[in-house]
Amino acid sequence: MSEVLLDVSALEAPEPLQRAVEAARGLGDGQYLHMVHRMKPLHLYPLLETQGFDSDTRRRSDNCEVFIWRRDDDAAARAAKAAAASLPPWHE
């Protein structure tokens, strides 16, 4: 299992969305995407859902951190959830 880190916090829309979708599509078996953004990527979630991905959104300081994995990849799901567990959940 391995983490793919994607920091889009300095990018302007729509680049964070485009890079996140591209990186998620490129995940291999056991891999999950750890995306760091300066805001919650609301437009990303419907795209992930329709393309077979699950996610967990967390907060670290002023950043939004989203952990993304293929819905059918149990090993990646376990690893992503374990990594996310150290951060507080995102609350509006």
N, C-alpha and C. Protein backbone atom coordinates (compact mmCIF):
# COMPACT_ATOMS: atom_id res chain seq x y z
N MET A 1 0.83 -1.17 0.00
CA MET A 1 0.00 0.00 0.00
C MET A 1 0.88 1.23 0.00
N SER A 2 0.47 2.22 -0.80
CA SER A 2 1.29 3.43 -0.83
C SER A 2 0.43 4.66 -1.07
N GLU A 3 0.93 5.74 -0.52
CA GLU A 3 0.27 7.02 -0.65
C GLU A 3 0.83 7.78 -1.84
N VAL A 4 -0.06 8.40 -2.60
CA VAL A 4 0.32 9.31 -3.67
C VAL A 4 -0.08 10.70 -3.19
N LEU A 5 0.88 11.56 -2.92
CA LEU A 5 0.61 12.89 -2.39
C LEU A 5 0.45 13.89 -3.53
N LEU A 6 -0.62 14.68 -3.45
CA LEU A 6 -0.89 15.72 -4.44
C LEU A 6 -1.24 17.00 -3.69
N ASP A 7 -0.35 17.99 -3.74
CA ASP A 7 -0.60 19.27 -3.08
C ASP A 7 -1.02 20.27 -4.15
N VAL A 8 -2.30 20.64 -4.11
CA VAL A 8 -2.84 21.60 -5.08
C VAL A 8 -3.20 22.92 -4.39
N SER A 9 -2.69 23.12 -3.20
CA SER A 9 -3.10 24.28 -2.40
C SER A 9 -2.71 25.62 -3.01
N ALA A 10 -1.74 25.66 -3.88
CA ALA A 10 -1.32 26.93 -4.48
C ALA A 10 -1.91 27.13 -5.88
N LEU A 11 -2.71 26.19 -6.34
CA LEU A 11 -3.23 26.26 -7.71
C LEU A 11 -4.61 26.92 -7.74
N GLU A 12 -4.92 27.54 -8.86
CA GLU A 12 -6.23 28.16 -9.08
C GLU A 12 -7.14 27.21 -9.86
N ALA A 13 -8.44 27.35 -9.62
CA ALA A 13 -9.44 26.54 -10.33
C ALA A 13 -9.31 26.78 -11.84
N PRO A 14 -9.52 25.75 -12.61
CA PRO A 14 -9.98 24.40 -12.30
C PRO A 14 -8.84 23.38 -12.16
N GLU A 15 -7.60 23.88 -12.07
CA GLU A 15 -6.46 22.97 -12.06
C GLU A 15 -6.47 21.95 -10.91
N PRO A 16 -6.83 22.32 -9.67
CA PRO A 16 -6.87 21.30 -8.61
C PRO A 16 -7.82 20.14 -8.94
N LEU A 17 -8.99 20.46 -9.46
CA LEU A 17 -9.96 19.44 -9.83
C LEU A 17 -9.39 18.54 -10.93
N GLN A 18 -8.84 19.13 -11.95
CA GLN A 18 -8.28 18.36 -13.07
C GLN A 18 -7.15 17.45 -12.61
N ARG A 19 -6.26 17.98 -11.81
CA ARG A 19 -5.12 17.18 -11.34
C ARG A 19 -5.57 16.05 -10.42
N ALA A 20 -6.55 16.32 -9.57
CA ALA A 20 -7.05 15.29 -8.66
C ALA A 20 -7.70 14.14 -9.42
N VAL A 21 -8.53 14.45 -10.41
CA VAL A 21 -9.18 13.41 -11.20
C VAL A 21 -8.14 12.60 -11.96
N GLU A 22 -7.18 13.27 -12.56
CA GLU A 22 -6.12 12.58 -13.30
C GLU A 22 -5.31 11.67 -12.37
N ALA A 23 -4.95 12.17 -11.20
CA ALA A 23 -4.17 11.37 -10.25
C ALA A 23 -4.97 10.19 -9.73
N ALA A 24 -6.25 10.39 -9.45
CA ALA A 24 -7.10 9.29 -8.98
C ALA A 24 -7.21 8.19 -10.03
N ARG A 25 -7.40 8.59 -11.26
CA ARG A 25 -7.50 7.60 -12.36
C ARG A 25 -6.21 6.80 -12.51
N GLY A 26 -5.08 7.38 -12.13
CA GLY A 26 -3.79 6.71 -12.28
C GLY A 26 -3.40 5.83 -11.10
N LEU A 27 -4.25 5.73 -10.09
CA LEU A 27 -3.90 4.91 -8.92
C LEU A 27 -3.79 3.44 -9.27
N GLY A 28 -2.76 2.80 -8.75
CA GLY A 28 -2.58 1.37 -8.92
C GLY A 28 -3.18 0.61 -7.75
N ASP A 29 -3.10 -0.69 -7.80
CA ASP A 29 -3.61 -1.53 -6.72
C ASP A 29 -2.92 -1.16 -5.41
N GLY A 30 -3.72 -0.97 -4.35
CA GLY A 30 -3.18 -0.66 -3.04
C GLY A 30 -2.80 0.78 -2.83
N GLN A 31 -2.96 1.62 -3.84
CA GLN A 31 -2.58 3.03 -3.72
C GLN A 31 -3.79 3.89 -3.40
N TYR A 32 -3.55 4.96 -2.65
CA TYR A 32 -4.58 5.96 -2.43
C TYR A 32 -3.98 7.34 -2.65
N LEU A 33 -4.83 8.29 -2.97
CA LEU A 33 -4.42 9.66 -3.22
C LEU A 33 -4.65 10.49 -1.97
N HIS A 34 -3.65 11.23 -1.55
CA HIS A 34 -3.74 12.16 -0.43
C HIS A 34 -3.61 13.55 -1.02
N MET A 35 -4.74 14.23 -1.17
CA MET A 35 -4.76 15.55 -1.78
C MET A 35 -4.83 16.63 -0.71
N VAL A 36 -3.97 17.63 -0.82
CA VAL A 36 -3.95 18.77 0.09
C VAL A 36 -4.43 19.99 -0.70
N HIS A 37 -5.45 20.66 -0.15
CA HIS A 37 -6.05 21.82 -0.82
C HIS A 37 -6.32 22.89 0.23
N ARG A 38 -6.46 24.11 -0.21
CA ARG A 38 -6.74 25.20 0.73
C ARG A 38 -8.22 25.32 1.05
N MET A 39 -9.08 24.61 0.29
CA MET A 39 -10.52 24.63 0.53
C MET A 39 -11.11 23.25 0.22
N LYS A 40 -12.31 23.02 0.70
CA LYS A 40 -12.98 21.75 0.42
C LYS A 40 -13.38 21.71 -1.06
N PRO A 41 -12.95 20.69 -1.80
CA PRO A 41 -13.20 20.63 -3.25
C PRO A 41 -14.60 20.07 -3.58
N LEU A 42 -15.62 20.88 -3.38
CA LEU A 42 -17.00 20.43 -3.51
C LEU A 42 -17.33 19.82 -4.87
N HIS A 43 -16.75 20.35 -5.93
CA HIS A 43 -17.05 19.84 -7.27
C HIS A 43 -16.37 18.51 -7.56
N LEU A 44 -15.41 18.15 -6.75
CA LEU A 44 -14.67 16.90 -6.96
C LEU A 44 -15.49 15.67 -6.56
N TYR A 45 -16.26 15.77 -5.49
CA TYR A 45 -16.93 14.59 -4.94
C TYR A 45 -17.90 13.90 -5.90
N PRO A 46 -18.74 14.63 -6.64
CA PRO A 46 -19.62 13.93 -7.59
C PRO A 46 -18.84 13.21 -8.69
N LEU A 47 -17.73 13.80 -9.13
CA LEU A 47 -16.90 13.14 -10.15
C LEU A 47 -16.30 11.85 -9.62
N LEU A 48 -15.81 11.90 -8.38
CA LEU A 48 -15.25 10.69 -7.78
C LEU A 48 -16.31 9.60 -7.67
N GLU A 49 -17.47 9.98 -7.22
CA GLU A 49 -18.57 9.02 -7.03
C GLU A 49 -18.92 8.31 -8.33
N THR A 50 -19.07 9.06 -9.39
CA THR A 50 -19.47 8.45 -10.67
C THR A 50 -18.36 7.64 -11.31
N GLN A 51 -17.11 7.85 -10.88
CA GLN A 51 -15.99 7.12 -11.47
C GLN A 51 -15.48 5.99 -10.58
N GLY A 52 -16.23 5.66 -9.52
CA GLY A 52 -15.90 4.49 -8.71
C GLY A 52 -14.90 4.71 -7.59
N PHE A 53 -14.84 5.94 -7.07
CA PHE A 53 -13.92 6.25 -5.98
C PHE A 53 -14.69 6.59 -4.71
N ASP A 54 -14.07 6.34 -3.57
CA ASP A 54 -14.56 6.78 -2.27
C ASP A 54 -13.54 7.76 -1.71
N SER A 55 -13.96 8.52 -0.70
CA SER A 55 -13.05 9.51 -0.12
C SER A 55 -13.38 9.78 1.33
N ASP A 56 -12.42 10.37 2.01
CA ASP A 56 -12.56 10.79 3.40
C ASP A 56 -11.90 12.17 3.49
N THR A 57 -12.64 13.16 3.96
CA THR A 57 -12.15 14.54 4.01
C THR A 57 -11.82 14.92 5.44
N ARG A 58 -10.63 15.47 5.64
CA ARG A 58 -10.13 15.84 6.97
C ARG A 58 -9.57 17.25 6.96
N ARG A 59 -9.29 17.77 8.15
CA ARG A 59 -8.76 19.12 8.30
C ARG A 59 -7.38 19.06 8.99
N ARG A 60 -6.46 19.86 8.48
CA ARG A 60 -5.17 20.07 9.15
C ARG A 60 -4.89 21.57 9.07
N SER A 61 -4.92 22.22 10.20
CA SER A 61 -4.76 23.69 10.26
C SER A 61 -5.78 24.34 9.32
N ASP A 62 -5.26 25.08 8.36
CA ASP A 62 -6.14 25.77 7.41
C ASP A 62 -6.34 24.99 6.12
N ASN A 63 -5.83 23.79 6.04
CA ASN A 63 -5.94 23.00 4.82
C ASN A 63 -7.03 21.95 4.89
N CYS A 64 -7.53 21.61 3.73
CA CYS A 64 -8.45 20.48 3.57
C CYS A 64 -7.62 19.34 2.99
N GLU A 65 -7.72 18.18 3.61
CA GLU A 65 -6.97 17.01 3.12
C GLU A 65 -7.98 15.93 2.77
N VAL A 66 -7.91 15.47 1.52
CA VAL A 66 -8.85 14.49 1.02
C VAL A 66 -8.09 13.21 0.67
N PHE A 67 -8.55 12.11 1.22
CA PHE A 67 -7.96 10.79 0.95
C PHE A 67 -8.91 10.07 0.00
N ILE A 68 -8.37 9.62 -1.13
CA ILE A 68 -9.19 9.07 -2.21
C ILE A 68 -8.66 7.69 -2.60
N TRP A 69 -9.59 6.74 -2.78
CA TRP A 69 -9.20 5.38 -3.18
C TRP A 69 -10.28 4.79 -4.07
N ARG A 70 -9.88 3.77 -4.84
CA ARG A 70 -10.86 3.05 -5.68
C ARG A 70 -11.79 2.26 -4.77
N ARG A 71 -13.07 2.35 -5.05
CA ARG A 71 -14.09 1.73 -4.21
C ARG A 71 -13.87 0.22 -4.05
N ASP A 72 -13.31 -0.43 -5.04
CA ASP A 72 -13.13 -1.89 -5.00
C ASP A 72 -11.75 -2.31 -4.49
N ASP A 73 -10.97 -1.39 -3.97
CA ASP A 73 -9.62 -1.68 -3.49
C ASP A 73 -9.60 -1.64 -1.96
N ASP A 74 -9.85 -2.79 -1.34
CA ASP A 74 -9.94 -2.86 0.12
C ASP A 74 -8.62 -2.49 0.81
N ALA A 75 -7.50 -2.89 0.24
CA ALA A 75 -6.21 -2.58 0.86
C ALA A 75 -5.97 -1.07 0.86
N ALA A 76 -6.26 -0.41 -0.25
CA ALA A 76 -6.09 1.04 -0.33
C ALA A 76 -7.05 1.74 0.61
N ALA A 77 -8.28 1.24 0.73
CA ALA A 77 -9.26 1.83 1.64
C ALA A 77 -8.77 1.76 3.08
N ARG A 78 -8.25 0.62 3.48
CA ARG A 78 -7.74 0.48 4.85
C ARG A 78 -6.58 1.43 5.10
N ALA A 79 -5.66 1.52 4.15
CA ALA A 79 -4.49 2.38 4.31
C ALA A 79 -4.89 3.85 4.34
N ALA A 80 -5.80 4.26 3.47
CA ALA A 80 -6.24 5.65 3.44
C ALA A 80 -6.97 6.02 4.72
N LYS A 81 -7.83 5.14 5.19
CA LYS A 81 -8.57 5.42 6.43
C LYS A 81 -7.63 5.48 7.63
N ALA A 82 -6.62 4.64 7.64
CA ALA A 82 -5.64 4.67 8.73
C ALA A 82 -4.86 5.98 8.71
N ALA A 83 -4.46 6.44 7.52
CA ALA A 83 -3.72 7.70 7.40
C ALA A 83 -4.61 8.88 7.79
N ALA A 84 -5.86 8.84 7.39
CA ALA A 84 -6.79 9.93 7.68
C ALA A 84 -7.16 10.00 9.15
N ALA A 85 -7.11 8.88 9.84
CA ALA A 85 -7.58 8.81 11.22
C ALA A 85 -6.81 9.73 12.18
N SER A 86 -5.61 10.12 11.82
CA SER A 86 -4.83 10.99 12.70
C SER A 86 -5.26 12.46 12.62
N LEU A 87 -6.13 12.77 11.67
CA LEU A 87 -6.59 14.15 11.49
C LEU A 87 -8.07 14.28 11.88
N PRO A 88 -8.48 15.45 12.34
CA PRO A 88 -9.90 15.62 12.68
C PRO A 88 -10.77 15.65 11.42
N PRO A 89 -11.99 15.14 11.51
CA PRO A 89 -12.89 15.19 10.36
C PRO A 89 -13.19 16.62 9.95
N TRP A 90 -13.54 16.80 8.68
CA TRP A 90 -13.90 18.11 8.18
C TRP A 90 -15.34 18.39 8.61
N HIS A 91 -15.55 19.51 9.25
CA HIS A 91 -16.89 19.97 9.61
C HIS A 91 -17.09 21.35 9.04
N GLU A 92 -18.24 21.56 8.48
CA GLU A 92 -18.56 22.88 7.89
C GLU A 92 -18.77 23.89 8.99
